[in-house]
Amino acid sequence: MVQNNGNFSSHVFLEGFLAYGIIMIIAMVLDKTFRKEVDNKMYEILNPKKYITVVKIPLSSIKKIDVVMAKQPLEKIQDCFNRLTEKPDFISNGGLFNMTTGDTVTTIVDEGKLIKDDYGSYFGLKIFKDLSFKWEVYKQNENIKDFIGASPSLIINGKIDIRNPLDASFMNGKHPRLALGSNDKYFFIVAVDGRRLTAPGMTIRELAEFMLSLGCTNAINEDGGGSLQLAQNVNGKFKYLNNPTENRKVDNFIAIYLKPGSKNYPVLKKGSKGEYVKLLQSNLIKLGYDLGKWGVDGSFGTVTEKAVKEFQKQNGLVVDGIVGEKTWGSLLKM
């Protein structure tokens, strides 16, 4: 009897182990499918806090990153967007400048021309003529397309490395901040609103730590304060993603263009907000899904998530409540 019980226990254990293995394999396949959808096809707009906007773009989705000089001496960001023949998918203000004269302060190269070599900001985003980019130190007379220097650097090669710090009030004060960064999968644009009770801003050290928490291996600070502005191209129209303290004219911009097929619909999930959430909600309601008293409010909450899961279940999709390429594709065909 003891021997039989042992065999029975071993048999049950083996069956349980095999079942667990099968479940794990299925989970890995589903996870891989979801990650392929996110990593290779889409972008995300995240708000880890109400005053922080993170644009997370798979590197495979980026067509090009462009440094754009203002119509001199200074120009509003929406005016720049409107005058560009090819509209960027995302645009932000760029490097530091002299607010009195409009002169560029950050080290910048635009279309092969050195605009300014100043402020010790020699580490930055270097864009080559084949549209590839690296985070490197600027070298004079280098044959590159664009370059924008850090003011200051935040992360270099996976470690916080704040080089060429500016004055103490700039570094240690909690201000609106703009940061650019990347790792081997994603490019990040981060706008941190400030100078409001509900938007405290960040110090440079806090910004560096936040970029590190996103997984950035390289990141730089750019112009913030009243210059901070981050916007998206929504069906050809300019739309702010952050809440600027003012509509300030600036000296230069960062424009990001996505490859065709990547730009139309972002990944949405619980906590997402904005026009694309409204589009999602409108389509769900048209298809007969009940969003209760909230309706089309632009906020992806529990009720919207429940409706998305029901839609996914009824249409043979992975039921995860996340609206990626496949869910968008099915939804918009209806």
C-alpha atoms as a PDB file:
ATOM      1  CA  MET A   1       0.000   0.000   0.000  1.00  0.00           C
ATOM      2  CA  VAL A   2       2.804   2.366   0.789  1.00  0.00           C
ATOM      3  CA  GLN A   3       4.432   1.578  -2.547  1.00  0.00           C
ATOM      4  CA  ASN A   4       1.163   2.105  -4.444  1.00  0.00           C
ATOM      5  CA  ASN A   5       0.558   5.441  -2.723  1.00  0.00           C
ATOM      6  CA  GLY A   6       4.024   6.547  -3.718  1.00  0.00           C
ATOM      7  CA  ASN A   7       3.423   5.626  -7.353  1.00  0.00           C
ATOM      8  CA  PHE A   8       0.085   7.374  -7.310  1.00  0.00           C
ATOM      9  CA  SER A   9       1.634  10.531  -5.809  1.00  0.00           C
ATOM     10  CA  SER A  10       4.454  10.509  -8.355  1.00  0.00           C
ATOM     11  CA  HIS A  11       1.953  10.063 -11.183  1.00  0.00           C
ATOM     12  CA  VAL A  12      -0.180  12.957  -9.958  1.00  0.00           C
ATOM     13  CA  PHE A  13       2.902  15.129  -9.526  1.00  0.00           C
ATOM     14  CA  LEU A  14       4.084  14.324 -13.066  1.00  0.00           C
ATOM     15  CA  GLU A  15       0.665  15.122 -14.533  1.00  0.00           C
ATOM     16  CA  GLY A  16       0.571  18.389 -12.609  1.00  0.00           C
ATOM     17  CA  PHE A  17       4.061  19.282 -13.726  1.00  0.00           C
ATOM     18  CA  LEU A  18       3.230  18.574 -17.379  1.00  0.00           C
ATOM     19  CA  ALA A  19       0.028  20.585 -17.139  1.00  0.00           C
ATOM     20  CA  TYR A  20       1.936  23.493 -15.614  1.00  0.00           C
ATOM     21  CA  GLY A  21       4.499  23.240 -18.410  1.00  0.00           C
ATOM     22  CA  ILE A  22       1.793  23.343 -21.077  1.00  0.00           C
ATOM     23  CA  ILE A  23       0.191  26.378 -19.412  1.00  0.00           C
ATOM     24  CA  MET A  24       3.539  28.146 -19.275  1.00  0.00           C
ATOM     25  CA  ILE A  25       4.227  27.414 -22.952  1.00  0.00           C
ATOM     26  CA  ILE A  26       0.797  28.793 -23.919  1.00  0.00           C
ATOM     27  CA  ALA A  27       1.424  31.866 -21.756  1.00  0.00           C
ATOM     28  CA  MET A  28       4.817  32.395 -23.399  1.00  0.00           C
ATOM     29  CA  VAL A  29       3.280  32.124 -26.880  1.00  0.00           C
ATOM     30  CA  LEU A  30       0.540  34.619 -25.989  1.00  0.00           C
ATOM     31  CA  ASP A  31       3.060  36.941 -24.376  1.00  0.00           C
ATOM     32  CA  LYS A  32       5.307  36.744 -27.430  1.00  0.00           C
ATOM     33  CA  THR A  33       2.330  37.513 -29.687  1.00  0.00           C
ATOM     34  CA  PHE A  34       1.356  40.509 -27.578  1.00  0.00           C
ATOM     35  CA  ARG A  35       4.918  41.781 -27.403  1.00  0.00           C
ATOM     36  CA  LYS A  36       5.355  41.492 -31.152  1.00  0.00           C
ATOM     37  CA  GLU A  37       2.221  43.606 -31.523  1.00  0.00           C
ATOM     38  CA  VAL A  38       3.575  46.271 -29.176  1.00  0.00           C
ATOM     39  CA  ASP A  39       7.275  46.173 -30.060  1.00  0.00           C
ATOM     40  CA  ASN A  40       7.006  46.119 -33.820  1.00  0.00           C
ATOM     41  CA  LYS A  41       3.719  47.729 -34.752  1.00  0.00           C
ATOM     42  CA  MET A  42       2.599  50.447 -32.411  1.00  0.00           C
ATOM     43  CA  TYR A  43       3.493  53.158 -29.973  1.00  0.00           C
ATOM     44  CA  GLU A  44       2.145  53.990 -26.551  1.00  0.00           C
ATOM     45  CA  ILE A  45       1.294  57.256 -24.822  1.00  0.00           C
ATOM     46  CA  LEU A  46       1.561  56.728 -21.085  1.00  0.00           C
ATOM     47  CA  ASN A  47       0.707  58.891 -18.108  1.00  0.00           C
ATOM     48  CA  PRO A  48       2.301  57.271 -15.044  1.00  0.00           C
ATOM     49  CA  LYS A  49       1.214  60.417 -13.222  1.00  0.00           C
ATOM     50  CA  LYS A  50      -1.192  63.096 -14.442  1.00  0.00           C
ATOM     51  CA  TYR A  51       1.616  65.602 -14.977  1.00  0.00           C
ATOM     52  CA  ILE A  52       3.971  63.164 -16.751  1.00  0.00           C
ATOM     53  CA  THR A  53       3.555  62.199 -20.415  1.00  0.00           C
ATOM     54  CA  VAL A  54       5.668  59.391 -21.853  1.00  0.00           C
ATOM     55  CA  VAL A  55       5.683  58.624 -25.569  1.00  0.00           C
ATOM     56  CA  LYS A  56       7.117  55.122 -26.007  1.00  0.00           C
ATOM     57  CA  ILE A  57       7.949  54.227 -29.607  1.00  0.00           C
ATOM     58  CA  PRO A  58       9.417  50.923 -30.829  1.00  0.00           C
ATOM     59  CA  LEU A  59      12.629  51.667 -32.735  1.00  0.00           C
ATOM     60  CA  SER A  60      11.292  49.535 -35.576  1.00  0.00           C
ATOM     61  CA  SER A  61       8.415  52.012 -36.012  1.00  0.00           C
ATOM     62  CA  ILE A  62      10.602  55.099 -36.456  1.00  0.00           C
ATOM     63  CA  LYS A  63      11.113  56.410 -39.967  1.00  0.00           C
ATOM     64  CA  LYS A  64      13.316  59.325 -38.928  1.00  0.00           C
ATOM     65  CA  ILE A  65      14.124  61.786 -36.151  1.00  0.00           C
ATOM     66  CA  ASP A  66      14.695  65.344 -37.306  1.00  0.00           C
ATOM     67  CA  VAL A  67      16.126  68.468 -35.701  1.00  0.00           C
ATOM     68  CA  VAL A  68      14.086  71.386 -37.057  1.00  0.00           C
ATOM     69  CA  MET A  69      15.196  74.976 -36.674  1.00  0.00           C
ATOM     70  CA  ALA A  70      12.522  77.587 -36.040  1.00  0.00           C
ATOM     71  CA  LYS A  71      11.669  80.230 -38.569  1.00  0.00           C
ATOM     72  CA  GLN A  72      14.214  82.633 -37.120  1.00  0.00           C
ATOM     73  CA  PRO A  73      14.574  84.087 -34.665  1.00  0.00           C
ATOM     74  CA  LEU A  74      11.787  82.253 -32.811  1.00  0.00           C
ATOM     75  CA  GLU A  75       8.617  80.356 -33.696  1.00  0.00           C
ATOM     76  CA  LYS A  76       5.634  78.774 -31.969  1.00  0.00           C
ATOM     77  CA  ILE A  77       5.553  74.996 -32.116  1.00  0.00           C
ATOM     78  CA  GLN A  78       2.155  74.819 -33.834  1.00  0.00           C
ATOM     79  CA  ASP A  79       3.295  77.301 -36.492  1.00  0.00           C
ATOM     80  CA  CYS A  80       6.310  75.072 -37.131  1.00  0.00           C
ATOM     81  CA  PHE A  81       4.085  72.003 -37.396  1.00  0.00           C
ATOM     82  CA  ASN A  82       1.730  73.773 -39.802  1.00  0.00           C
ATOM     83  CA  ARG A  83       4.501  74.957 -42.128  1.00  0.00           C
ATOM     84  CA  LEU A  84       6.178  71.544 -42.454  1.00  0.00           C
ATOM     85  CA  THR A  85       5.152  69.862 -45.693  1.00  0.00           C
ATOM     86  CA  GLU A  86       5.672  66.435 -44.180  1.00  0.00           C
ATOM     87  CA  LYS A  87       3.863  66.483 -40.844  1.00  0.00           C
ATOM     88  CA  PRO A  88       5.700  64.743 -38.008  1.00  0.00           C
ATOM     89  CA  ASP A  89       3.818  62.249 -35.872  1.00  0.00           C
ATOM     90  CA  PHE A  90       5.298  63.782 -32.711  1.00  0.00           C
ATOM     91  CA  ILE A  91       6.934  67.163 -32.190  1.00  0.00           C
ATOM     92  CA  SER A  92       8.441  68.851 -29.155  1.00  0.00           C
ATOM     93  CA  ASN A  93      10.503  71.888 -28.395  1.00  0.00           C
ATOM     94  CA  GLY A  94      14.229  71.196 -28.533  1.00  0.00           C
ATOM     95  CA  GLY A  95      17.387  72.637 -27.001  1.00  0.00           C
ATOM     96  CA  LEU A  96      18.139  75.690 -24.904  1.00  0.00           C
ATOM     97  CA  PHE A  97      18.155  79.166 -26.427  1.00  0.00           C
ATOM     98  CA  ASN A  98      18.551  82.789 -25.405  1.00  0.00           C
ATOM     99  CA  MET A  99      15.038  84.129 -24.821  1.00  0.00           C
ATOM    100  CA  THR A 100      16.120  87.727 -25.433  1.00  0.00           C
ATOM    101  CA  THR A 101      17.962  87.291 -28.738  1.00  0.00           C
ATOM    102  CA  GLY A 102      16.582  83.951 -29.878  1.00  0.00           C
ATOM    103  CA  ASP A 103      20.120  82.625 -30.352  1.00  0.00           C
ATOM    104  CA  THR A 104      20.703  78.895 -30.041  1.00  0.00           C
ATOM    105  CA  VAL A 105      22.569  77.878 -26.888  1.00  0.00           C
ATOM    106  CA  THR A 106      22.686  74.063 -27.104  1.00  0.00           C
ATOM    107  CA  THR A 107      25.112  72.425 -29.529  1.00  0.00           C
ATOM    108  CA  ILE A 108      23.040  71.815 -32.659  1.00  0.00           C
ATOM    109  CA  VAL A 109      23.682  70.603 -36.202  1.00  0.00           C
ATOM    110  CA  ASP A 110      20.827  70.877 -38.688  1.00  0.00           C
ATOM    111  CA  GLU A 111      21.013  69.338 -42.170  1.00  0.00           C
ATOM    112  CA  GLY A 112      24.797  69.110 -41.907  1.00  0.00           C
ATOM    113  CA  LYS A 113      25.246  72.735 -40.818  1.00  0.00           C
ATOM    114  CA  LEU A 114      26.656  73.565 -37.394  1.00  0.00           C
ATOM    115  CA  ILE A 115      24.235  76.043 -35.851  1.00  0.00           C
ATOM    116  CA  LYS A 116      25.925  76.393 -32.463  1.00  0.00           C
ATOM    117  CA  ASP A 117      28.825  74.815 -30.622  1.00  0.00           C
ATOM    118  CA  ASP A 118      28.342  75.915 -27.038  1.00  0.00           C
ATOM    119  CA  TYR A 119      27.421  75.214 -23.421  1.00  0.00           C
ATOM    120  CA  GLY A 120      29.585  72.128 -23.112  1.00  0.00           C
ATOM    121  CA  SER A 121      26.704  69.949 -24.288  1.00  0.00           C
ATOM    122  CA  TYR A 122      28.782  67.724 -26.540  1.00  0.00           C
ATOM    123  CA  PHE A 123      27.079  64.454 -25.626  1.00  0.00           C
ATOM    124  CA  GLY A 124      23.764  64.096 -27.359  1.00  0.00           C
ATOM    125  CA  LEU A 125      21.608  62.590 -30.066  1.00  0.00           C
ATOM    126  CA  LYS A 126      23.552  62.195 -33.314  1.00  0.00           C
ATOM    127  CA  ILE A 127      21.562  61.547 -36.496  1.00  0.00           C
ATOM    128  CA  PHE A 128      23.384  60.242 -39.542  1.00  0.00           C
ATOM    129  CA  LYS A 129      22.583  60.814 -43.196  1.00  0.00           C
ATOM    130  CA  ASP A 130      21.138  57.302 -43.515  1.00  0.00           C
ATOM    131  CA  LEU A 131      18.690  58.381 -40.728  1.00  0.00           C
ATOM    132  CA  SER A 132      20.162  56.010 -38.143  1.00  0.00           C
ATOM    133  CA  PHE A 133      21.066  57.576 -34.804  1.00  0.00           C
ATOM    134  CA  LYS A 134      23.424  57.114 -31.857  1.00  0.00           C
ATOM    135  CA  TRP A 135      24.029  58.740 -28.513  1.00  0.00           C
ATOM    136  CA  GLU A 136      27.563  60.068 -28.829  1.00  0.00           C
ATOM    137  CA  VAL A 137      29.868  62.996 -28.220  1.00  0.00           C
ATOM    138  CA  TYR A 138      29.795  65.594 -31.013  1.00  0.00           C
ATOM    139  CA  LYS A 139      33.002  65.935 -33.014  1.00  0.00           C
ATOM    140  CA  GLN A 140      33.752  69.008 -35.096  1.00  0.00           C
ATOM    141  CA  ASN A 141      33.604  68.643 -38.870  1.00  0.00           C
ATOM    142  CA  GLU A 142      31.829  65.309 -38.574  1.00  0.00           C
ATOM    143  CA  ASN A 143      29.765  64.309 -41.613  1.00  0.00           C
ATOM    144  CA  ILE A 144      26.362  63.964 -39.965  1.00  0.00           C
ATOM    145  CA  LYS A 145      22.837  65.141 -40.725  1.00  0.00           C
ATOM    146  CA  ASP A 146      21.672  66.427 -37.318  1.00  0.00           C
ATOM    147  CA  PHE A 147      22.825  66.661 -33.727  1.00  0.00           C
ATOM    148  CA  ILE A 148      21.264  68.014 -30.555  1.00  0.00           C
ATOM    149  CA  GLY A 149      23.322  68.228 -27.398  1.00  0.00           C
ATOM    150  CA  ALA A 150      22.318  67.484 -23.845  1.00  0.00           C
ATOM    151  CA  SER A 151      21.616  70.241 -21.354  1.00  0.00           C
ATOM    152  CA  PRO A 152      22.747  68.281 -19.397  1.00  0.00           C
ATOM    153  CA  SER A 153      23.132  64.533 -20.012  1.00  0.00           C
ATOM    154  CA  LEU A 154      21.049  62.247 -17.792  1.00  0.00           C
ATOM    155  CA  ILE A 155      22.072  58.673 -18.578  1.00  0.00           C
ATOM    156  CA  ILE A 156      25.078  57.392 -20.517  1.00  0.00           C
ATOM    157  CA  ASN A 157      25.599  53.693 -21.212  1.00  0.00           C
ATOM    158  CA  GLY A 158      23.031  52.581 -18.667  1.00  0.00           C
ATOM    159  CA  LYS A 159      24.184  54.723 -15.735  1.00  0.00           C
ATOM    160  CA  ILE A 160      23.141  58.112 -14.440  1.00  0.00           C
ATOM    161  CA  ASP A 161      25.842  60.462 -15.718  1.00  0.00           C
ATOM    162  CA  ILE A 162      25.022  64.159 -15.406  1.00  0.00           C
ATOM    163  CA  ARG A 163      27.719  65.980 -17.334  1.00  0.00           C
ATOM    164  CA  ASN A 164      28.219  69.730 -17.704  1.00  0.00           C
ATOM    165  CA  PRO A 165      25.660  70.694 -15.050  1.00  0.00           C
ATOM    166  CA  LEU A 166      24.175  74.161 -15.237  1.00  0.00           C
ATOM    167  CA  ASP A 167      23.481  76.530 -12.330  1.00  0.00           C
ATOM    168  CA  ALA A 168      22.100  75.178  -9.054  1.00  0.00           C
ATOM    169  CA  SER A 169      18.593  76.598  -9.455  1.00  0.00           C
ATOM    170  CA  PHE A 170      18.296  74.932 -12.881  1.00  0.00           C
ATOM    171  CA  MET A 171      19.609  71.602 -11.610  1.00  0.00           C
ATOM    172  CA  ASN A 172      17.966  71.388  -8.195  1.00  0.00           C
ATOM    173  CA  GLY A 173      14.729  73.299  -8.723  1.00  0.00           C
ATOM    174  CA  LYS A 174      11.548  71.425  -9.604  1.00  0.00           C
ATOM    175  CA  HIS A 175      10.764  72.655 -13.108  1.00  0.00           C
ATOM    176  CA  PRO A 176       8.884  71.469 -16.194  1.00  0.00           C
ATOM    177  CA  ARG A 177      11.281  69.134 -18.019  1.00  0.00           C
ATOM    178  CA  LEU A 178      11.732  67.558 -21.439  1.00  0.00           C
ATOM    179  CA  ALA A 179      13.849  64.442 -21.902  1.00  0.00           C
ATOM    180  CA  LEU A 180      14.771  62.193 -24.810  1.00  0.00           C
ATOM    181  CA  GLY A 181      16.079  58.681 -24.332  1.00  0.00           C
ATOM    182  CA  SER A 182      16.211  55.158 -25.684  1.00  0.00           C
ATOM    183  CA  ASN A 183      17.254  51.575 -25.133  1.00  0.00           C
ATOM    184  CA  ASP A 184      17.706  48.730 -27.619  1.00  0.00           C
ATOM    185  CA  LYS A 185      13.924  48.470 -28.225  1.00  0.00           C
ATOM    186  CA  TYR A 186      12.281  51.830 -27.631  1.00  0.00           C
ATOM    187  CA  PHE A 187      12.689  55.562 -28.072  1.00  0.00           C
ATOM    188  CA  PHE A 188      11.169  57.741 -25.350  1.00  0.00           C
ATOM    189  CA  ILE A 189       9.991  61.351 -25.266  1.00  0.00           C
ATOM    190  CA  VAL A 190       9.105  62.501 -21.775  1.00  0.00           C
ATOM    191  CA  ALA A 191       7.343  65.736 -20.816  1.00  0.00           C
ATOM    192  CA  VAL A 192       7.076  66.555 -17.110  1.00  0.00           C
ATOM    193  CA  ASP A 193       4.706  69.434 -16.436  1.00  0.00           C
ATOM    194  CA  GLY A 194       5.408  71.783 -13.548  1.00  0.00           C
ATOM    195  CA  ARG A 195       4.863  75.139 -11.839  1.00  0.00           C
ATOM    196  CA  ARG A 196       1.336  74.166 -10.802  1.00  0.00           C
ATOM    197  CA  LEU A 197      -0.080  72.742  -7.586  1.00  0.00           C
ATOM    198  CA  THR A 198      -1.031  69.549  -9.405  1.00  0.00           C
ATOM    199  CA  ALA A 199       2.182  69.420 -11.449  1.00  0.00           C
ATOM    200  CA  PRO A 200       5.320  69.782  -9.311  1.00  0.00           C
ATOM    201  CA  GLY A 201       7.916  69.234 -12.032  1.00  0.00           C
ATOM    202  CA  MET A 202      11.221  67.468 -11.361  1.00  0.00           C
ATOM    203  CA  THR A 203      14.817  68.195 -10.511  1.00  0.00           C
ATOM    204  CA  ILE A 204      17.460  67.025 -12.983  1.00  0.00           C
ATOM    205  CA  ARG A 205      18.410  64.152 -10.677  1.00  0.00           C
ATOM    206  CA  GLU A 206      14.757  63.080 -10.392  1.00  0.00           C
ATOM    207  CA  LEU A 207      14.412  63.221 -14.164  1.00  0.00           C
ATOM    208  CA  ALA A 208      17.523  61.063 -14.616  1.00  0.00           C
ATOM    209  CA  GLU A 209      16.162  58.515 -12.143  1.00  0.00           C
ATOM    210  CA  PHE A 210      12.796  58.489 -13.907  1.00  0.00           C
ATOM    211  CA  MET A 211      14.404  57.905 -17.319  1.00  0.00           C
ATOM    212  CA  LEU A 212      16.439  55.075 -15.809  1.00  0.00           C
ATOM    213  CA  SER A 213      13.225  53.557 -14.407  1.00  0.00           C
ATOM    214  CA  LEU A 214      11.802  53.497 -17.954  1.00  0.00           C
ATOM    215  CA  GLY A 215      14.759  51.359 -19.008  1.00  0.00           C
ATOM    216  CA  CYS A 216      16.711  54.019 -20.899  1.00  0.00           C
ATOM    217  CA  THR A 217      20.370  53.254 -21.512  1.00  0.00           C
ATOM    218  CA  ASN A 218      20.990  56.792 -22.793  1.00  0.00           C
ATOM    219  CA  ALA A 219      18.987  59.943 -22.097  1.00  0.00           C
ATOM    220  CA  ILE A 220      19.387  63.704 -22.267  1.00  0.00           C
ATOM    221  CA  ASN A 221      17.605  66.732 -20.858  1.00  0.00           C
ATOM    222  CA  GLU A 222      16.444  69.431 -23.251  1.00  0.00           C
ATOM    223  CA  ASP A 223      14.743  72.798 -22.790  1.00  0.00           C
ATOM    224  CA  GLY A 224      11.933  72.756 -20.234  1.00  0.00           C
ATOM    225  CA  GLY A 225      10.294  75.474 -18.149  1.00  0.00           C
ATOM    226  CA  GLY A 226       7.893  77.636 -20.093  1.00  0.00           C
ATOM    227  CA  SER A 227       9.276  76.216 -23.339  1.00  0.00           C
ATOM    228  CA  LEU A 228       8.043  72.686 -22.617  1.00  0.00           C
ATOM    229  CA  GLN A 229       5.628  71.567 -25.324  1.00  0.00           C
ATOM    230  CA  LEU A 230       4.930  68.068 -26.657  1.00  0.00           C
ATOM    231  CA  ALA A 231       2.368  67.431 -29.357  1.00  0.00           C
ATOM    232  CA  GLN A 232       1.025  64.702 -31.610  1.00  0.00           C
ATOM    233  CA  ASN A 233      -0.251  64.611 -35.158  1.00  0.00           C
ATOM    234  CA  VAL A 234      -3.850  63.399 -34.903  1.00  0.00           C
ATOM    235  CA  ASN A 235      -5.252  62.926 -38.401  1.00  0.00           C
ATOM    236  CA  GLY A 236      -3.132  65.805 -39.698  1.00  0.00           C
ATOM    237  CA  LYS A 237      -4.011  68.149 -36.853  1.00  0.00           C
ATOM    238  CA  PHE A 238      -1.767  69.444 -34.078  1.00  0.00           C
ATOM    239  CA  LYS A 239      -2.726  68.235 -30.591  1.00  0.00           C
ATOM    240  CA  TYR A 240      -0.908  68.888 -27.315  1.00  0.00           C
ATOM    241  CA  LEU A 241      -0.053  65.852 -25.228  1.00  0.00           C
ATOM    242  CA  ASN A 242       1.144  67.826 -22.189  1.00  0.00           C
ATOM    243  CA  ASN A 243      -0.230  70.940 -20.523  1.00  0.00           C
ATOM    244  CA  PRO A 244       2.176  73.797 -21.323  1.00  0.00           C
ATOM    245  CA  THR A 245       2.424  76.725 -18.929  1.00  0.00           C
ATOM    246  CA  GLU A 246       2.608  79.068 -21.932  1.00  0.00           C
ATOM    247  CA  ASN A 247       2.598  79.031 -25.729  1.00  0.00           C
ATOM    248  CA  ARG A 248       6.172  80.259 -25.922  1.00  0.00           C
ATOM    249  CA  LYS A 249       8.082  80.792 -29.135  1.00  0.00           C
ATOM    250  CA  VAL A 250      11.269  78.712 -29.220  1.00  0.00           C
ATOM    251  CA  ASP A 251      14.388  78.320 -31.337  1.00  0.00           C
ATOM    252  CA  ASN A 252      14.350  74.668 -32.397  1.00  0.00           C
ATOM    253  CA  PHE A 253      12.303  71.481 -32.344  1.00  0.00           C
ATOM    254  CA  ILE A 254      12.544  67.697 -32.346  1.00  0.00           C
ATOM    255  CA  ALA A 255      10.270  66.011 -34.903  1.00  0.00           C
ATOM    256  CA  ILE A 256       9.659  62.270 -35.045  1.00  0.00           C
ATOM    257  CA  TYR A 257       8.210  60.533 -38.070  1.00  0.00           C
ATOM    258  CA  LEU A 258       6.800  57.009 -37.966  1.00  0.00           C
ATOM    259  CA  LYS A 259       6.802  54.439 -40.721  1.00  0.00           C
ATOM    260  CA  PRO A 260       3.522  53.925 -42.593  1.00  0.00           C
ATOM    261  CA  GLY A 261       1.301  51.461 -40.778  1.00  0.00           C
ATOM    262  CA  SER A 262       2.705  52.291 -37.359  1.00  0.00           C
ATOM    263  CA  LYS A 263       1.228  55.709 -36.885  1.00  0.00           C
ATOM    264  CA  ASN A 264      -2.520  55.376 -37.022  1.00  0.00           C
ATOM    265  CA  TYR A 265      -3.618  53.806 -33.779  1.00  0.00           C
ATOM    266  CA  PRO A 266      -1.712  53.574 -30.497  1.00  0.00           C
ATOM    267  CA  VAL A 267      -1.919  50.735 -27.992  1.00  0.00           C
ATOM    268  CA  LEU A 268      -4.674  51.535 -25.497  1.00  0.00           C
ATOM    269  CA  LYS A 269      -5.245  49.971 -22.108  1.00  0.00           C
ATOM    270  CA  LYS A 270      -6.755  50.755 -18.747  1.00  0.00           C
ATOM    271  CA  GLY A 271      -5.542  54.207 -17.735  1.00  0.00           C
ATOM    272  CA  SER A 272      -5.161  55.537 -21.297  1.00  0.00           C
ATOM    273  CA  LYS A 273      -6.789  58.877 -22.091  1.00  0.00           C
ATOM    274  CA  GLY A 274      -7.410  61.083 -25.105  1.00  0.00           C
ATOM    275  CA  GLU A 275      -8.915  61.254 -28.572  1.00  0.00           C
ATOM    276  CA  TYR A 276      -8.101  57.668 -29.509  1.00  0.00           C
ATOM    277  CA  VAL A 277      -9.891  56.418 -26.410  1.00  0.00           C
ATOM    278  CA  LYS A 278     -12.923  58.433 -27.536  1.00  0.00           C
ATOM    279  CA  LEU A 279     -12.670  56.794 -30.977  1.00  0.00           C
ATOM    280  CA  LEU A 280     -12.526  53.379 -29.320  1.00  0.00           C
ATOM    281  CA  GLN A 281     -15.514  54.143 -27.104  1.00  0.00           C
ATOM    282  CA  SER A 282     -17.567  55.514 -30.000  1.00  0.00           C
ATOM    283  CA  ASN A 283     -17.009  52.332 -31.990  1.00  0.00           C
ATOM    284  CA  LEU A 284     -17.851  50.096 -29.042  1.00  0.00           C
ATOM    285  CA  ILE A 285     -21.125  51.950 -28.451  1.00  0.00           C
ATOM    286  CA  LYS A 286     -22.014  51.726 -32.162  1.00  0.00           C
ATOM    287  CA  LEU A 287     -21.524  47.965 -31.912  1.00  0.00           C
ATOM    288  CA  GLY A 288     -23.928  47.779 -28.977  1.00  0.00           C
ATOM    289  CA  TYR A 289     -21.543  47.612 -26.035  1.00  0.00           C
ATOM    290  CA  ASP A 290     -22.809  49.431 -22.975  1.00  0.00           C
ATOM    291  CA  LEU A 291     -20.406  51.973 -21.463  1.00  0.00           C
ATOM    292  CA  GLY A 292     -22.945  53.115 -18.914  1.00  0.00           C
ATOM    293  CA  LYS A 293     -23.129  56.699 -17.733  1.00  0.00           C
ATOM    294  CA  TRP A 294     -19.534  57.348 -18.759  1.00  0.00           C
ATOM    295  CA  GLY A 295     -20.075  56.919 -22.499  1.00  0.00           C
ATOM    296  CA  VAL A 296     -17.496  58.628 -24.700  1.00  0.00           C
ATOM    297  CA  ASP A 297     -15.435  60.388 -22.035  1.00  0.00           C
ATOM    298  CA  GLY A 298     -11.927  59.729 -23.374  1.00  0.00           C
ATOM    299  CA  SER A 299     -10.915  57.822 -20.247  1.00  0.00           C
ATOM    300  CA  PHE A 300     -10.145  54.089 -20.496  1.00  0.00           C
ATOM    301  CA  GLY A 301     -11.565  52.802 -17.220  1.00  0.00           C
ATOM    302  CA  THR A 302     -12.987  49.553 -15.864  1.00  0.00           C
ATOM    303  CA  VAL A 303     -16.210  49.763 -17.906  1.00  0.00           C
ATOM    304  CA  THR A 304     -14.343  50.344 -21.180  1.00  0.00           C
ATOM    305  CA  GLU A 305     -11.942  47.521 -20.352  1.00  0.00           C
ATOM    306  CA  LYS A 306     -14.867  45.164 -19.723  1.00  0.00           C
ATOM    307  CA  ALA A 307     -16.410  46.108 -23.089  1.00  0.00           C
ATOM    308  CA  VAL A 308     -13.080  45.573 -24.871  1.00  0.00           C
ATOM    309  CA  LYS A 309     -12.689  42.125 -23.312  1.00  0.00           C
ATOM    310  CA  GLU A 310     -16.209  41.179 -24.363  1.00  0.00           C
ATOM    311  CA  PHE A 311     -15.492  42.387 -27.902  1.00  0.00           C
ATOM    312  CA  GLN A 312     -12.246  40.405 -27.993  1.00  0.00           C
ATOM    313  CA  LYS A 313     -13.999  37.264 -26.708  1.00  0.00           C
ATOM    314  CA  GLN A 314     -16.743  37.529 -29.311  1.00  0.00           C
ATOM    315  CA  ASN A 315     -14.241  38.039 -32.142  1.00  0.00           C
ATOM    316  CA  GLY A 316     -11.732  35.312 -31.376  1.00  0.00           C
ATOM    317  CA  LEU A 317      -9.006  37.630 -30.105  1.00  0.00           C
ATOM    318  CA  VAL A 318      -6.701  37.342 -27.112  1.00  0.00           C
ATOM    319  CA  VAL A 319      -8.856  38.511 -24.197  1.00  0.00           C
ATOM    320  CA  ASP A 320      -6.531  40.882 -22.340  1.00  0.00           C
ATOM    321  CA  GLY A 321      -8.428  44.189 -22.431  1.00  0.00           C
ATOM    322  CA  ILE A 322      -5.554  45.798 -24.364  1.00  0.00           C
ATOM    323  CA  VAL A 323      -6.363  47.420 -27.692  1.00  0.00           C
ATOM    324  CA  GLY A 324      -3.470  46.668 -30.012  1.00  0.00           C
ATOM    325  CA  GLU A 325      -3.196  46.249 -33.752  1.00  0.00           C
ATOM    326  CA  LYS A 326      -5.397  43.141 -34.004  1.00  0.00           C
ATOM    327  CA  THR A 327      -8.149  44.540 -31.801  1.00  0.00           C
ATOM    328  CA  TRP A 328      -8.089  47.844 -33.682  1.00  0.00           C
ATOM    329  CA  GLY A 329      -8.190  45.969 -36.972  1.00  0.00           C
ATOM    330  CA  SER A 330     -11.237  43.930 -35.970  1.00  0.00           C
ATOM    331  CA  LEU A 331     -13.004  46.885 -34.380  1.00  0.00           C
ATOM    332  CA  LEU A 332     -12.624  49.176 -37.382  1.00  0.00           C
ATOM    333  CA  LYS A 333     -13.830  46.530 -39.835  1.00  0.00           C
ATOM    334  CA  MET A 334     -17.218  46.336 -38.125  1.00  0.00           C
END
